[in-house]
Amino acid sequence: MERDSGFHDDLLQSYSETELVRRVIGSSSLAPGISLLSSNFLAKHYKPDEVEDMIDATDRLPTGHSRSNTKRIIRNGPDAYCVIDRIPGRRLEGLWTHIS
């Protein structure tokens, strides 16, 4: 059962970083490090120094694969979260072997 984090898509850019982290932590987990914010957005947990590599790797996905757009990056001490579009289909982890 999904917990209702009270997240409102239209307020994504106006949430403070503290409030957004609270909402990420209060959201249902789809997998380790992946929180379901709403039917449209996910938040993925990273170490702060991994965020730029993740964005670069996503940009290198082969043509024809759906790409999540990064909507917001939040750095919170030893943690970072990327809020991205939720796109139906195969998980990115299954595509890593096809990225050059």
C-alpha atoms as a PDB file:
ATOM      1  CA  MET A   1       0.000   0.000   0.000  1.00  0.00           C
ATOM      2  CA  GLU A   2       1.382   3.407  -0.989  1.00  0.00           C
ATOM      3  CA  ARG A   3       1.689   6.068   1.668  1.00  0.00           C
ATOM      4  CA  ASP A   4       0.278   9.448   0.746  1.00  0.00           C
ATOM      5  CA  SER A   5       3.136  11.915   1.014  1.00  0.00           C
ATOM      6  CA  GLY A   6       0.807  14.833   0.315  1.00  0.00           C
ATOM      7  CA  PHE A   7       3.021  15.757  -2.632  1.00  0.00           C
ATOM      8  CA  HIS A   8       1.548  18.209  -5.145  1.00  0.00           C
ATOM      9  CA  ASP A   9       3.135  18.145  -8.606  1.00  0.00           C
ATOM     10  CA  ASP A  10       2.341  21.786  -9.297  1.00  0.00           C
ATOM     11  CA  LEU A  11       4.304  22.864  -6.199  1.00  0.00           C
ATOM     12  CA  LEU A  12       7.541  21.033  -7.074  1.00  0.00           C
ATOM     13  CA  GLN A  13       9.545  24.191  -7.760  1.00  0.00           C
ATOM     14  CA  SER A  14       8.145  26.089  -4.772  1.00  0.00           C
ATOM     15  CA  TYR A  15       8.860  23.451  -2.100  1.00  0.00           C
ATOM     16  CA  SER A  16      11.873  24.368   0.009  1.00  0.00           C
ATOM     17  CA  GLU A  17      14.715  21.846  -0.049  1.00  0.00           C
ATOM     18  CA  THR A  18      13.903  20.872   3.544  1.00  0.00           C
ATOM     19  CA  GLU A  19      10.229  20.337   2.733  1.00  0.00           C
ATOM     20  CA  LEU A  20      11.030  18.357  -0.409  1.00  0.00           C
ATOM     21  CA  VAL A  21      13.452  16.081   1.482  1.00  0.00           C
ATOM     22  CA  ARG A  22      10.734  15.500   4.093  1.00  0.00           C
ATOM     23  CA  ARG A  23       8.286  14.553   1.350  1.00  0.00           C
ATOM     24  CA  VAL A  24      10.813  12.209  -0.300  1.00  0.00           C
ATOM     25  CA  ILE A  25      11.504  10.451   3.000  1.00  0.00           C
ATOM     26  CA  GLY A  26       7.756  10.192   3.696  1.00  0.00           C
ATOM     27  CA  SER A  27       6.982   8.675   0.281  1.00  0.00           C
ATOM     28  CA  SER A  28       6.570   5.034  -0.658  1.00  0.00           C
ATOM     29  CA  SER A  29       9.692   3.247  -1.825  1.00  0.00           C
ATOM     30  CA  LEU A  30       9.579   1.541  -5.226  1.00  0.00           C
ATOM     31  CA  ALA A  31      13.066   0.080  -4.824  1.00  0.00           C
ATOM     32  CA  PRO A  32      16.100   0.896  -2.685  1.00  0.00           C
ATOM     33  CA  GLY A  33      16.879   4.569  -3.251  1.00  0.00           C
ATOM     34  CA  ILE A  34      13.768   5.284  -5.349  1.00  0.00           C
ATOM     35  CA  SER A  35      10.800   7.098  -3.806  1.00  0.00           C
ATOM     36  CA  LEU A  36       7.406   7.539  -5.435  1.00  0.00           C
ATOM     37  CA  LEU A  37       6.409  11.173  -4.986  1.00  0.00           C
ATOM     38  CA  SER A  38       3.326  11.029  -7.210  1.00  0.00           C
ATOM     39  CA  SER A  39       2.016   9.330 -10.318  1.00  0.00           C
ATOM     40  CA  ASN A  40       4.217  11.747 -12.315  1.00  0.00           C
ATOM     41  CA  PHE A  41       7.436  12.054 -10.283  1.00  0.00           C
ATOM     42  CA  LEU A  42      10.068   9.869  -8.637  1.00  0.00           C
ATOM     43  CA  ALA A  43      12.953  10.881  -6.408  1.00  0.00           C
ATOM     44  CA  LYS A  44      16.209   8.963  -6.697  1.00  0.00           C
ATOM     45  CA  HIS A  45      18.779   8.999  -3.906  1.00  0.00           C
ATOM     46  CA  TYR A  46      22.469   9.549  -4.698  1.00  0.00           C
ATOM     47  CA  LYS A  47      25.635  10.585  -2.984  1.00  0.00           C
ATOM     48  CA  PRO A  48      26.146  14.262  -3.878  1.00  0.00           C
ATOM     49  CA  ASP A  49      29.236  13.504  -5.999  1.00  0.00           C
ATOM     50  CA  GLU A  50      27.268  10.966  -8.117  1.00  0.00           C
ATOM     51  CA  VAL A  51      24.565  13.330  -9.394  1.00  0.00           C
ATOM     52  CA  GLU A  52      26.432  14.787 -12.366  1.00  0.00           C
ATOM     53  CA  ASP A  53      27.516  11.303 -13.528  1.00  0.00           C
ATOM     54  CA  MET A  54      23.899  10.123 -13.384  1.00  0.00           C
ATOM     55  CA  ILE A  55      22.711  13.021 -15.521  1.00  0.00           C
ATOM     56  CA  ASP A  56      25.522  12.390 -18.026  1.00  0.00           C
ATOM     57  CA  ALA A  57      24.707   8.655 -18.205  1.00  0.00           C
ATOM     58  CA  THR A  58      21.023   9.378 -18.750  1.00  0.00           C
ATOM     59  CA  ASP A  59      21.947  11.698 -21.625  1.00  0.00           C
ATOM     60  CA  ARG A  60      23.856   8.801 -23.230  1.00  0.00           C
ATOM     61  CA  LEU A  61      20.890   6.432 -23.418  1.00  0.00           C
ATOM     62  CA  PRO A  62      20.494   4.909 -26.886  1.00  0.00           C
ATOM     63  CA  THR A  63      18.001   6.586 -29.202  1.00  0.00           C
ATOM     64  CA  GLY A  64      14.504   5.207 -28.854  1.00  0.00           C
ATOM     65  CA  HIS A  65      14.581   4.800 -25.078  1.00  0.00           C
ATOM     66  CA  SER A  66      12.461   7.031 -22.877  1.00  0.00           C
ATOM     67  CA  ARG A  67      14.450   9.475 -20.813  1.00  0.00           C
ATOM     68  CA  SER A  68      13.399  10.935 -17.508  1.00  0.00           C
ATOM     69  CA  ASN A  69      13.884  14.650 -17.312  1.00  0.00           C
ATOM     70  CA  THR A  70      15.537  15.863 -14.141  1.00  0.00           C
ATOM     71  CA  LYS A  71      13.144  18.368 -12.635  1.00  0.00           C
ATOM     72  CA  ARG A  72      15.047  19.287  -9.495  1.00  0.00           C
ATOM     73  CA  ILE A  73      18.207  18.327  -7.614  1.00  0.00           C
ATOM     74  CA  ILE A  74      18.324  18.606  -3.830  1.00  0.00           C
ATOM     75  CA  ARG A  75      21.532  18.258  -1.844  1.00  0.00           C
ATOM     76  CA  ASN A  76      21.038  17.543   1.836  1.00  0.00           C
ATOM     77  CA  GLY A  77      24.264  16.848   3.756  1.00  0.00           C
ATOM     78  CA  PRO A  78      25.541  13.381   2.753  1.00  0.00           C
ATOM     79  CA  ASP A  79      22.526  12.828   0.491  1.00  0.00           C
ATOM     80  CA  ALA A  80      21.304  14.106  -2.850  1.00  0.00           C
ATOM     81  CA  TYR A  81      17.969  13.513  -4.516  1.00  0.00           C
ATOM     82  CA  CYS A  82      17.028  13.928  -8.154  1.00  0.00           C
ATOM     83  CA  VAL A  83      13.352  14.475  -8.802  1.00  0.00           C
ATOM     84  CA  ILE A  84      12.602  13.024 -12.222  1.00  0.00           C
ATOM     85  CA  ASP A  85       9.645  12.280 -14.466  1.00  0.00           C
ATOM     86  CA  ARG A  86       8.086   8.895 -13.884  1.00  0.00           C
ATOM     87  CA  ILE A  87       8.028   7.114 -17.240  1.00  0.00           C
ATOM     88  CA  PRO A  88       6.338   3.753 -17.736  1.00  0.00           C
ATOM     89  CA  GLY A  89       8.451   0.967 -19.226  1.00  0.00           C
ATOM     90  CA  ARG A  90      11.724  -0.795 -18.483  1.00  0.00           C
ATOM     91  CA  ARG A  91      13.781   0.453 -15.577  1.00  0.00           C
ATOM     92  CA  LEU A  92      16.983   2.261 -16.445  1.00  0.00           C
ATOM     93  CA  GLU A  93      19.016  -0.299 -14.485  1.00  0.00           C
ATOM     94  CA  GLY A  94      18.136  -2.847 -17.200  1.00  0.00           C
ATOM     95  CA  LEU A  95      19.578  -0.580 -19.898  1.00  0.00           C
ATOM     96  CA  TRP A  96      23.008   0.205 -18.366  1.00  0.00           C
ATOM     97  CA  THR A  97      24.748  -2.522 -20.385  1.00  0.00           C
ATOM     98  CA  HIS A  98      23.673  -0.769 -23.616  1.00  0.00           C
ATOM     99  CA  ILE A  99      25.177   2.612 -22.683  1.00  0.00           C
ATOM    100  CA  SER A 100      28.551   3.303 -24.278  1.00  0.00           C
END
